[in-house]
């Protein structure tokens, strides 16, 4: 299917090794309905790590583009490697994303930053948010905030709906 340029989004998924880039890409594929099951890095079944060496290492070695169609929009997810040994692949994706970010900024378009693993026990969500505001400016606004309940369960507060959710057996529970 052909798409007008206004209906195409290029999204770089970048970060350090092991932060969940490929898993996030898989989750987006699955939740959009593009796949019937979510692939796993550990099993070598992800859409973006298809090279035999990537499967063996359980890590992305090259940038890969994973197209997803959702509600009339084509999303090109660019899964960049996080290992420093393969920084050329990451640099290609980052350069493309930086150009896209600058163009979006220039044209007053929305930009989004996704932070993974902010719910881990040793993570400091508010410190991360503060660092992002310093780096990207005061317009950085959280959409979802992780919280730890009294029993240790991790929940997420959606600031738009003002509702809290947790996950049980892979399903979202309010």
N, C-alpha and C. Protein backbone atom coordinates (compact mmCIF):
# COMPACT_ATOMS: atom_id res chain seq x y z
N UNK A 1 0.84 -1.18 0.00
CA UNK A 1 0.00 0.00 0.00
C UNK A 1 0.89 1.24 0.00
N UNK A 2 0.55 2.23 -0.85
CA UNK A 2 1.31 3.46 -0.90
C UNK A 2 0.85 4.42 0.19
N UNK A 3 1.77 5.22 0.69
CA UNK A 3 1.47 6.18 1.75
C UNK A 3 1.94 7.57 1.34
N UNK A 4 1.16 8.58 1.67
CA UNK A 4 1.60 9.97 1.51
C UNK A 4 2.64 10.24 2.59
N UNK A 5 3.56 11.12 2.34
CA UNK A 5 4.63 11.38 3.31
C UNK A 5 4.08 11.82 4.66
N UNK A 6 2.92 12.46 4.66
CA UNK A 6 2.33 12.88 5.94
C UNK A 6 1.84 11.69 6.77
N UNK A 7 1.75 10.51 6.14
CA UNK A 7 1.26 9.32 6.82
C UNK A 7 2.38 8.31 7.12
N UNK A 8 3.62 8.80 7.12
CA UNK A 8 4.77 7.93 7.41
C UNK A 8 5.52 8.51 8.61
N UNK A 9 5.85 7.66 9.55
CA UNK A 9 6.63 8.06 10.73
C UNK A 9 7.86 7.16 10.81
N UNK A 10 9.03 7.76 10.94
CA UNK A 10 10.27 7.02 11.13
C UNK A 10 10.68 7.18 12.58
N UNK A 11 10.81 6.07 13.28
CA UNK A 11 11.07 6.10 14.71
C UNK A 11 12.33 5.31 15.02
N UNK A 12 13.34 6.00 15.57
CA UNK A 12 14.57 5.33 15.98
C UNK A 12 14.38 4.77 17.38
N UNK A 13 14.72 3.50 17.55
CA UNK A 13 14.72 2.86 18.86
C UNK A 13 16.19 2.65 19.19
N UNK A 14 16.75 3.55 20.02
CA UNK A 14 18.18 3.53 20.32
C UNK A 14 18.42 3.57 21.82
N UNK A 15 19.56 3.08 22.23
CA UNK A 15 19.93 3.08 23.64
C UNK A 15 21.07 2.12 23.86
N UNK A 16 21.48 1.98 25.11
CA UNK A 16 22.61 1.10 25.40
C UNK A 16 22.20 -0.36 25.31
N UNK A 17 23.20 -1.22 25.23
CA UNK A 17 22.94 -2.66 25.10
C UNK A 17 22.12 -3.17 26.29
N UNK A 18 21.12 -3.97 25.98
CA UNK A 18 20.32 -4.60 27.03
C UNK A 18 19.23 -3.75 27.62
N UNK A 19 18.97 -2.57 27.06
CA UNK A 19 17.95 -1.69 27.67
C UNK A 19 16.54 -2.02 27.20
N UNK A 20 16.40 -2.91 26.23
CA UNK A 20 15.06 -3.33 25.82
C UNK A 20 14.59 -2.80 24.48
N UNK A 21 15.50 -2.35 23.63
CA UNK A 21 15.11 -1.79 22.33
C UNK A 21 14.37 -2.79 21.45
N UNK A 22 14.96 -3.96 21.29
CA UNK A 22 14.35 -4.98 20.44
C UNK A 22 13.06 -5.49 21.05
N UNK A 23 13.01 -5.61 22.36
CA UNK A 23 11.79 -6.05 23.03
C UNK A 23 10.68 -5.02 22.85
N UNK A 24 11.02 -3.73 22.94
CA UNK A 24 10.04 -2.68 22.69
C UNK A 24 9.52 -2.76 21.25
N UNK A 25 10.42 -2.95 20.31
CA UNK A 25 10.02 -3.08 18.90
C UNK A 25 9.07 -4.26 18.73
N UNK A 26 9.38 -5.37 19.36
CA UNK A 26 8.51 -6.55 19.30
C UNK A 26 7.14 -6.26 19.91
N UNK A 27 7.12 -5.56 21.03
CA UNK A 27 5.85 -5.23 21.69
C UNK A 27 5.00 -4.34 20.79
N UNK A 28 5.62 -3.38 20.12
CA UNK A 28 4.88 -2.51 19.21
C UNK A 28 4.31 -3.30 18.03
N UNK A 29 5.09 -4.24 17.50
CA UNK A 29 4.60 -5.10 16.43
C UNK A 29 3.39 -5.90 16.89
N UNK A 30 3.53 -6.50 18.05
CA UNK A 30 2.47 -7.36 18.58
C UNK A 30 1.20 -6.55 18.91
N UNK A 31 1.37 -5.43 19.62
CA UNK A 31 0.21 -4.64 20.03
C UNK A 31 -0.51 -4.00 18.84
N UNK A 32 0.21 -3.75 17.75
CA UNK A 32 -0.41 -3.17 16.56
C UNK A 32 -1.17 -4.22 15.75
N UNK A 33 -0.95 -5.49 16.07
CA UNK A 33 -1.57 -6.57 15.32
C UNK A 33 -0.75 -7.03 14.14
N UNK A 34 0.46 -6.49 13.98
CA UNK A 34 1.31 -6.88 12.85
C UNK A 34 1.83 -8.31 13.00
N UNK A 35 1.93 -8.80 14.24
CA UNK A 35 2.33 -10.18 14.48
C UNK A 35 1.33 -10.83 15.43
N UNK A 36 1.24 -12.14 15.36
CA UNK A 36 0.29 -12.85 16.21
C UNK A 36 0.87 -13.20 17.57
N UNK A 37 2.20 -13.16 17.67
CA UNK A 37 2.84 -13.41 18.96
C UNK A 37 4.09 -12.55 19.05
N UNK A 38 4.48 -12.25 20.26
CA UNK A 38 5.64 -11.40 20.49
C UNK A 38 6.90 -12.26 20.48
N UNK A 39 7.84 -11.92 19.60
CA UNK A 39 9.12 -12.62 19.56
C UNK A 39 9.96 -12.28 20.78
N UNK A 40 10.93 -13.13 21.07
CA UNK A 40 11.80 -12.93 22.23
C UNK A 40 13.26 -12.99 21.81
N UNK A 41 14.05 -12.04 22.29
CA UNK A 41 15.49 -12.01 22.01
C UNK A 41 16.12 -13.32 22.47
N UNK A 42 15.73 -13.79 23.65
CA UNK A 42 16.30 -15.01 24.23
C UNK A 42 16.05 -16.23 23.36
N UNK A 43 14.95 -16.23 22.63
CA UNK A 43 14.59 -17.37 21.79
C UNK A 43 15.05 -17.21 20.34
N UNK A 44 15.57 -16.02 19.99
CA UNK A 44 16.00 -15.77 18.62
C UNK A 44 14.84 -15.64 17.65
N UNK A 45 13.70 -15.15 18.13
CA UNK A 45 12.49 -15.10 17.31
C UNK A 45 12.00 -13.67 17.02
N UNK A 46 12.86 -12.67 17.17
CA UNK A 46 12.42 -11.30 16.94
C UNK A 46 12.48 -10.94 15.46
N UNK A 47 11.65 -9.99 15.07
CA UNK A 47 11.60 -9.55 13.67
C UNK A 47 12.86 -8.79 13.27
N UNK A 48 13.45 -8.05 14.20
CA UNK A 48 14.58 -7.20 13.82
C UNK A 48 15.94 -7.89 13.93
N UNK A 49 16.06 -8.90 14.76
CA UNK A 49 17.33 -9.64 14.87
C UNK A 49 17.18 -10.97 14.13
N UNK A 50 17.34 -10.92 12.81
CA UNK A 50 17.11 -12.11 11.99
C UNK A 50 18.40 -12.74 11.50
N UNK A 51 19.52 -12.02 11.59
CA UNK A 51 20.81 -12.55 11.16
C UNK A 51 21.25 -13.66 12.12
N UNK A 52 21.79 -14.77 11.59
CA UNK A 52 22.21 -15.87 12.47
C UNK A 52 23.17 -15.45 13.59
N UNK A 53 24.05 -14.51 13.29
CA UNK A 53 24.99 -14.05 14.33
C UNK A 53 24.28 -13.25 15.41
N UNK A 54 23.26 -12.47 15.04
CA UNK A 54 22.46 -11.73 16.02
C UNK A 54 21.69 -12.71 16.91
N UNK A 55 21.15 -13.74 16.30
CA UNK A 55 20.41 -14.75 17.06
C UNK A 55 21.35 -15.46 18.03
N UNK A 56 22.56 -15.80 17.55
CA UNK A 56 23.53 -16.49 18.40
C UNK A 56 23.96 -15.62 19.58
N UNK A 57 24.23 -14.34 19.31
CA UNK A 57 24.70 -13.42 20.36
C UNK A 57 23.58 -12.87 21.23
N UNK A 58 22.33 -13.02 20.76
CA UNK A 58 21.18 -12.45 21.45
C UNK A 58 21.31 -10.92 21.58
N UNK A 59 21.74 -10.32 20.47
CA UNK A 59 21.95 -8.87 20.44
C UNK A 59 21.90 -8.37 19.00
N UNK A 60 21.42 -7.14 18.81
CA UNK A 60 21.39 -6.53 17.49
C UNK A 60 22.80 -6.12 17.09
N UNK A 61 23.20 -6.49 15.87
CA UNK A 61 24.52 -6.13 15.36
C UNK A 61 24.42 -5.09 14.26
N UNK A 62 23.25 -4.97 13.66
CA UNK A 62 22.99 -4.01 12.58
C UNK A 62 21.67 -3.30 12.86
N UNK A 63 21.57 -2.09 12.31
CA UNK A 63 20.27 -1.42 12.37
C UNK A 63 19.33 -2.15 11.43
N UNK A 64 18.10 -2.30 11.84
CA UNK A 64 17.11 -2.92 10.96
C UNK A 64 15.84 -2.08 11.00
N UNK A 65 15.16 -2.05 9.87
CA UNK A 65 13.91 -1.31 9.77
C UNK A 65 12.75 -2.31 9.82
N UNK A 66 11.84 -2.08 10.75
CA UNK A 66 10.68 -2.94 10.91
C UNK A 66 9.45 -2.09 10.62
N UNK A 67 8.80 -2.31 9.48
CA UNK A 67 7.61 -1.51 9.14
C UNK A 67 6.37 -2.03 9.87
N UNK A 68 5.58 -1.09 10.37
CA UNK A 68 4.33 -1.41 11.06
C UNK A 68 3.26 -0.48 10.52
N UNK A 69 2.14 -1.04 10.10
CA UNK A 69 1.01 -0.24 9.66
C UNK A 69 -0.03 -0.25 10.76
N UNK A 70 -0.49 0.94 11.15
CA UNK A 70 -1.46 1.03 12.23
C UNK A 70 -2.35 2.24 12.03
N UNK A 71 -3.65 2.00 11.93
CA UNK A 71 -4.66 3.05 11.77
C UNK A 71 -4.30 4.04 10.65
N UNK A 72 -3.91 3.50 9.49
CA UNK A 72 -3.64 4.33 8.32
C UNK A 72 -2.28 5.00 8.30
N UNK A 73 -1.46 4.75 9.30
CA UNK A 73 -0.12 5.34 9.37
C UNK A 73 0.91 4.22 9.23
N UNK A 74 1.96 4.47 8.47
CA UNK A 74 3.07 3.52 8.36
C UNK A 74 4.19 3.99 9.27
N UNK A 75 4.55 3.14 10.21
CA UNK A 75 5.64 3.42 11.13
C UNK A 75 6.84 2.58 10.73
N UNK A 76 7.98 3.21 10.49
CA UNK A 76 9.22 2.51 10.24
C UNK A 76 10.03 2.54 11.53
N UNK A 77 10.03 1.43 12.25
CA UNK A 77 10.77 1.34 13.49
C UNK A 77 12.21 0.98 13.15
N UNK A 78 13.15 1.81 13.55
CA UNK A 78 14.57 1.56 13.27
C UNK A 78 15.20 1.06 14.56
N UNK A 79 15.46 -0.23 14.62
CA UNK A 79 16.04 -0.87 15.80
C UNK A 79 17.56 -0.83 15.65
N UNK A 80 18.21 0.05 16.41
CA UNK A 80 19.66 0.24 16.31
C UNK A 80 20.39 -0.61 17.35
N UNK A 81 21.59 -1.11 17.00
CA UNK A 81 22.35 -1.90 17.97
C UNK A 81 22.84 -1.04 19.12
N UNK A 82 22.95 -1.64 20.30
CA UNK A 82 23.42 -0.90 21.47
C UNK A 82 24.84 -1.24 21.87
N UNK A 83 25.37 -2.33 21.32
CA UNK A 83 26.74 -2.72 21.65
C UNK A 83 27.74 -1.76 21.00
N UNK A 84 28.71 -1.27 21.76
CA UNK A 84 29.68 -0.32 21.22
C UNK A 84 30.52 -0.93 20.10
N UNK A 85 30.67 -2.24 20.10
CA UNK A 85 31.42 -2.91 19.04
C UNK A 85 30.77 -2.71 17.68
N UNK A 86 29.49 -2.38 17.69
CA UNK A 86 28.74 -2.23 16.45
C UNK A 86 28.14 -0.84 16.34
N UNK A 87 28.92 0.16 16.78
CA UNK A 87 28.40 1.52 16.83
C UNK A 87 28.12 2.13 15.46
N UNK A 88 28.74 1.59 14.39
CA UNK A 88 28.46 2.13 13.07
C UNK A 88 26.99 1.96 12.72
N UNK A 89 26.43 0.78 13.01
CA UNK A 89 25.01 0.55 12.75
C UNK A 89 24.15 1.48 13.58
N UNK A 90 24.53 1.68 14.84
CA UNK A 90 23.77 2.59 15.71
C UNK A 90 23.89 4.03 15.20
N UNK A 91 25.10 4.41 14.77
CA UNK A 91 25.33 5.78 14.30
C UNK A 91 24.47 6.09 13.08
N UNK A 92 24.30 5.13 12.19
CA UNK A 92 23.46 5.35 11.01
C UNK A 92 22.03 5.69 11.44
N UNK A 93 21.49 4.91 12.35
CA UNK A 93 20.14 5.15 12.83
C UNK A 93 20.02 6.45 13.60
N UNK A 94 21.02 6.73 14.43
CA UNK A 94 21.00 7.95 15.24
C UNK A 94 21.08 9.18 14.35
N UNK A 95 21.93 9.15 13.32
CA UNK A 95 22.03 10.30 12.41
C UNK A 95 20.69 10.56 11.73
N UNK A 96 20.04 9.49 11.28
CA UNK A 96 18.73 9.66 10.63
C UNK A 96 17.71 10.20 11.61
N UNK A 97 17.74 9.69 12.84
CA UNK A 97 16.77 10.15 13.85
C UNK A 97 17.05 11.60 14.25
N UNK A 98 18.34 11.96 14.38
CA UNK A 98 18.67 13.35 14.74
C UNK A 98 18.18 14.31 13.67
N UNK A 99 18.36 13.94 12.40
CA UNK A 99 17.87 14.79 11.32
C UNK A 99 16.35 14.91 11.39
N UNK A 100 15.70 13.79 11.64
CA UNK A 100 14.24 13.81 11.76
C UNK A 100 13.81 14.63 12.97
N UNK A 101 14.53 14.52 14.09
CA UNK A 101 14.20 15.26 15.30
C UNK A 101 14.33 16.77 15.04
N UNK A 102 15.44 17.17 14.41
CA UNK A 102 15.66 18.60 14.11
C UNK A 102 14.59 19.13 13.15
N UNK A 103 14.22 18.31 12.16
CA UNK A 103 13.18 18.72 11.23
C UNK A 103 11.83 18.84 11.95
N UNK A 104 11.54 17.90 12.83
CA UNK A 104 10.28 17.97 13.60
C UNK A 104 10.27 19.19 14.49
N UNK A 105 11.39 19.49 15.13
CA UNK A 105 11.51 20.67 15.98
C UNK A 105 11.30 21.94 15.16
N UNK A 106 11.97 22.02 14.02
CA UNK A 106 11.87 23.18 13.13
C UNK A 106 10.43 23.40 12.67
N UNK A 107 9.72 22.30 12.40
CA UNK A 107 8.35 22.39 11.89
C UNK A 107 7.30 22.26 12.99
N UNK A 108 7.73 22.41 14.24
CA UNK A 108 6.83 22.37 15.39
C UNK A 108 5.98 21.10 15.43
N UNK A 109 6.64 19.97 15.17
CA UNK A 109 5.97 18.66 15.22
C UNK A 109 6.30 17.98 16.54
N UNK A 110 5.45 17.05 16.92
CA UNK A 110 5.63 16.32 18.18
C UNK A 110 6.89 15.46 18.14
N UNK A 111 7.53 15.34 19.27
CA UNK A 111 8.66 14.45 19.46
C UNK A 111 8.41 13.65 20.72
N UNK A 112 8.93 12.42 20.78
CA UNK A 112 8.69 11.57 21.93
C UNK A 112 9.97 10.85 22.32
N UNK A 113 10.17 10.72 23.61
CA UNK A 113 11.29 9.96 24.16
C UNK A 113 10.68 8.89 25.05
N UNK A 114 11.13 7.66 24.85
CA UNK A 114 10.61 6.53 25.61
C UNK A 114 11.73 6.01 26.50
N UNK A 115 11.49 5.95 27.79
CA UNK A 115 12.51 5.48 28.74
C UNK A 115 12.08 4.11 29.26
N UNK A 116 12.98 3.14 29.11
CA UNK A 116 12.68 1.79 29.60
C UNK A 116 13.33 1.56 30.95
N UNK A 117 12.83 0.58 31.65
CA UNK A 117 13.37 0.09 32.91
C UNK A 117 13.38 1.12 34.03
N UNK A 118 12.55 2.16 33.92
CA UNK A 118 12.44 3.16 34.98
C UNK A 118 11.73 2.59 36.21
N UNK A 119 11.15 1.41 36.05
CA UNK A 119 10.44 0.77 37.16
C UNK A 119 11.34 -0.13 38.00
N UNK A 120 12.59 -0.31 37.60
CA UNK A 120 13.49 -1.17 38.36
C UNK A 120 13.78 -0.57 39.73
N UNK A 121 14.06 -1.42 40.68
CA UNK A 121 14.23 -1.00 42.07
C UNK A 121 15.33 0.06 42.24
N UNK A 122 16.41 -0.05 41.48
CA UNK A 122 17.52 0.89 41.63
C UNK A 122 17.40 2.11 40.71
N UNK A 123 16.33 2.20 39.93
CA UNK A 123 16.14 3.35 39.04
C UNK A 123 15.54 4.52 39.81
N UNK A 124 15.91 5.71 39.41
CA UNK A 124 15.39 6.93 40.04
C UNK A 124 14.61 7.69 38.97
N UNK A 125 13.32 7.41 38.88
CA UNK A 125 12.47 7.99 37.85
C UNK A 125 12.57 9.52 37.82
N UNK A 126 12.49 10.15 38.98
CA UNK A 126 12.47 11.62 39.03
C UNK A 126 13.83 12.22 38.63
N UNK A 127 14.90 11.52 38.92
CA UNK A 127 16.23 11.96 38.48
C UNK A 127 16.33 11.86 36.95
N UNK A 128 15.80 10.78 36.40
CA UNK A 128 15.78 10.60 34.94
C UNK A 128 14.98 11.73 34.29
N UNK A 129 13.81 12.03 34.84
CA UNK A 129 12.97 13.10 34.30
C UNK A 129 13.69 14.44 34.37
N UNK A 130 14.35 14.70 35.49
CA UNK A 130 15.10 15.96 35.65
C UNK A 130 16.22 16.05 34.61
N UNK A 131 16.95 14.97 34.41
CA UNK A 131 18.04 14.97 33.42
C UNK A 131 17.51 15.21 32.01
N UNK A 132 16.35 14.64 31.71
CA UNK A 132 15.78 14.84 30.38
C UNK A 132 15.33 16.28 30.18
N UNK A 133 14.80 16.90 31.22
CA UNK A 133 14.39 18.31 31.12
C UNK A 133 15.62 19.21 30.92
N UNK A 134 16.72 18.87 31.57
CA UNK A 134 17.96 19.63 31.38
C UNK A 134 18.46 19.48 29.95
N UNK A 135 18.43 18.26 29.43
CA UNK A 135 18.95 17.96 28.08
C UNK A 135 18.04 18.50 26.98
N UNK A 136 16.71 18.30 27.11
CA UNK A 136 15.79 18.61 26.03
C UNK A 136 14.90 19.82 26.28
N UNK A 137 14.97 20.38 27.49
CA UNK A 137 14.18 21.58 27.77
C UNK A 137 12.95 21.30 28.61
N UNK A 138 12.32 22.38 29.08
CA UNK A 138 11.19 22.25 30.00
C UNK A 138 9.92 21.68 29.38
N UNK A 139 9.89 21.53 28.07
CA UNK A 139 8.68 20.98 27.44
C UNK A 139 8.57 19.47 27.60
N UNK A 140 9.60 18.81 28.15
CA UNK A 140 9.51 17.37 28.40
C UNK A 140 8.42 17.13 29.43
N UNK A 141 7.47 16.30 29.06
CA UNK A 141 6.31 16.06 29.91
C UNK A 141 6.05 14.55 29.99
N UNK A 142 6.04 13.99 31.19
CA UNK A 142 5.77 12.55 31.30
C UNK A 142 4.32 12.23 30.96
N UNK A 143 4.12 11.05 30.39
CA UNK A 143 2.77 10.55 30.08
C UNK A 143 2.37 9.46 31.06
N UNK A 144 3.35 8.65 31.44
CA UNK A 144 3.13 7.53 32.35
C UNK A 144 4.23 7.54 33.40
N UNK A 145 3.85 7.35 34.65
CA UNK A 145 4.81 7.38 35.76
C UNK A 145 4.78 6.02 36.47
N UNK A 146 5.96 5.38 36.61
CA UNK A 146 5.97 4.11 37.35
C UNK A 146 5.94 4.38 38.86
N UNK A 147 5.23 3.53 39.60
CA UNK A 147 5.19 3.62 41.06
C UNK A 147 5.30 2.21 41.63
N UNK A 148 5.83 2.12 42.83
CA UNK A 148 5.93 0.84 43.53
C UNK A 148 4.93 0.86 44.67
N UNK A 149 3.99 -0.08 44.65
CA UNK A 149 2.96 -0.17 45.69
C UNK A 149 3.56 -0.71 46.98
N UNK A 150 2.82 -0.59 48.08
CA UNK A 150 3.32 -1.04 49.39
C UNK A 150 3.78 -2.49 49.39
N UNK A 151 3.11 -3.33 48.59
CA UNK A 151 3.49 -4.75 48.55
C UNK A 151 4.65 -5.04 47.59
N UNK A 152 5.22 -3.97 46.99
CA UNK A 152 6.35 -4.13 46.07
C UNK A 152 5.95 -4.24 44.62
N UNK A 153 4.66 -4.38 44.35
CA UNK A 153 4.17 -4.48 42.98
C UNK A 153 4.42 -3.17 42.24
N UNK A 154 4.84 -3.28 40.98
CA UNK A 154 5.04 -2.09 40.16
C UNK A 154 3.74 -1.78 39.44
N UNK A 155 3.33 -0.53 39.50
CA UNK A 155 2.14 -0.06 38.78
C UNK A 155 2.54 1.16 37.96
N UNK A 156 1.66 1.56 37.08
CA UNK A 156 1.93 2.70 36.21
C UNK A 156 0.73 3.62 36.25
N UNK A 157 0.99 4.91 36.42
CA UNK A 157 -0.09 5.90 36.43
C UNK A 157 -0.07 6.62 35.09
N UNK A 158 -1.18 6.53 34.36
CA UNK A 158 -1.35 7.25 33.12
C UNK A 158 -1.80 8.65 33.49
N UNK A 159 -0.98 9.65 33.23
CA UNK A 159 -1.29 11.02 33.64
C UNK A 159 -2.41 11.64 32.81
N UNK A 160 -2.70 11.08 31.64
CA UNK A 160 -3.79 11.60 30.83
C UNK A 160 -5.14 11.10 31.35
N UNK A 161 -5.23 9.80 31.61
CA UNK A 161 -6.50 9.23 32.08
C UNK A 161 -6.65 9.31 33.60
N UNK A 162 -5.53 9.61 34.30
CA UNK A 162 -5.52 9.65 35.76
C UNK A 162 -5.91 8.29 36.36
N UNK A 163 -5.50 7.21 35.69
CA UNK A 163 -5.77 5.86 36.17
C UNK A 163 -4.46 5.11 36.34
N UNK A 164 -4.45 4.20 37.30
CA UNK A 164 -3.26 3.39 37.55
C UNK A 164 -3.49 1.98 37.03
N UNK A 165 -2.43 1.37 36.51
CA UNK A 165 -2.50 0.03 35.96
C UNK A 165 -1.33 -0.80 36.46
N UNK A 166 -1.52 -2.11 36.48
CA UNK A 166 -0.43 -3.04 36.69
C UNK A 166 -0.63 -4.16 35.70
N UNK A 167 0.36 -5.02 35.59
CA UNK A 167 0.27 -6.13 34.65
C UNK A 167 0.28 -7.44 35.41
N UNK A 168 -0.67 -8.29 35.07
CA UNK A 168 -0.77 -9.62 35.66
C UNK A 168 -0.90 -10.61 34.52
N UNK A 169 0.07 -11.51 34.41
CA UNK A 169 0.03 -12.50 33.33
C UNK A 169 0.05 -11.88 31.94
N UNK A 170 0.76 -10.75 31.82
CA UNK A 170 0.84 -10.06 30.53
C UNK A 170 -0.37 -9.23 30.18
N UNK A 171 -1.36 -9.15 31.06
CA UNK A 171 -2.57 -8.36 30.80
C UNK A 171 -2.61 -7.15 31.70
N UNK A 172 -3.07 -6.04 31.15
CA UNK A 172 -3.18 -4.80 31.91
C UNK A 172 -4.42 -4.85 32.81
N UNK A 173 -4.22 -4.52 34.09
CA UNK A 173 -5.32 -4.52 35.07
C UNK A 173 -5.37 -3.14 35.73
N UNK A 174 -6.56 -2.54 35.77
CA UNK A 174 -6.68 -1.21 36.38
C UNK A 174 -6.65 -1.33 37.90
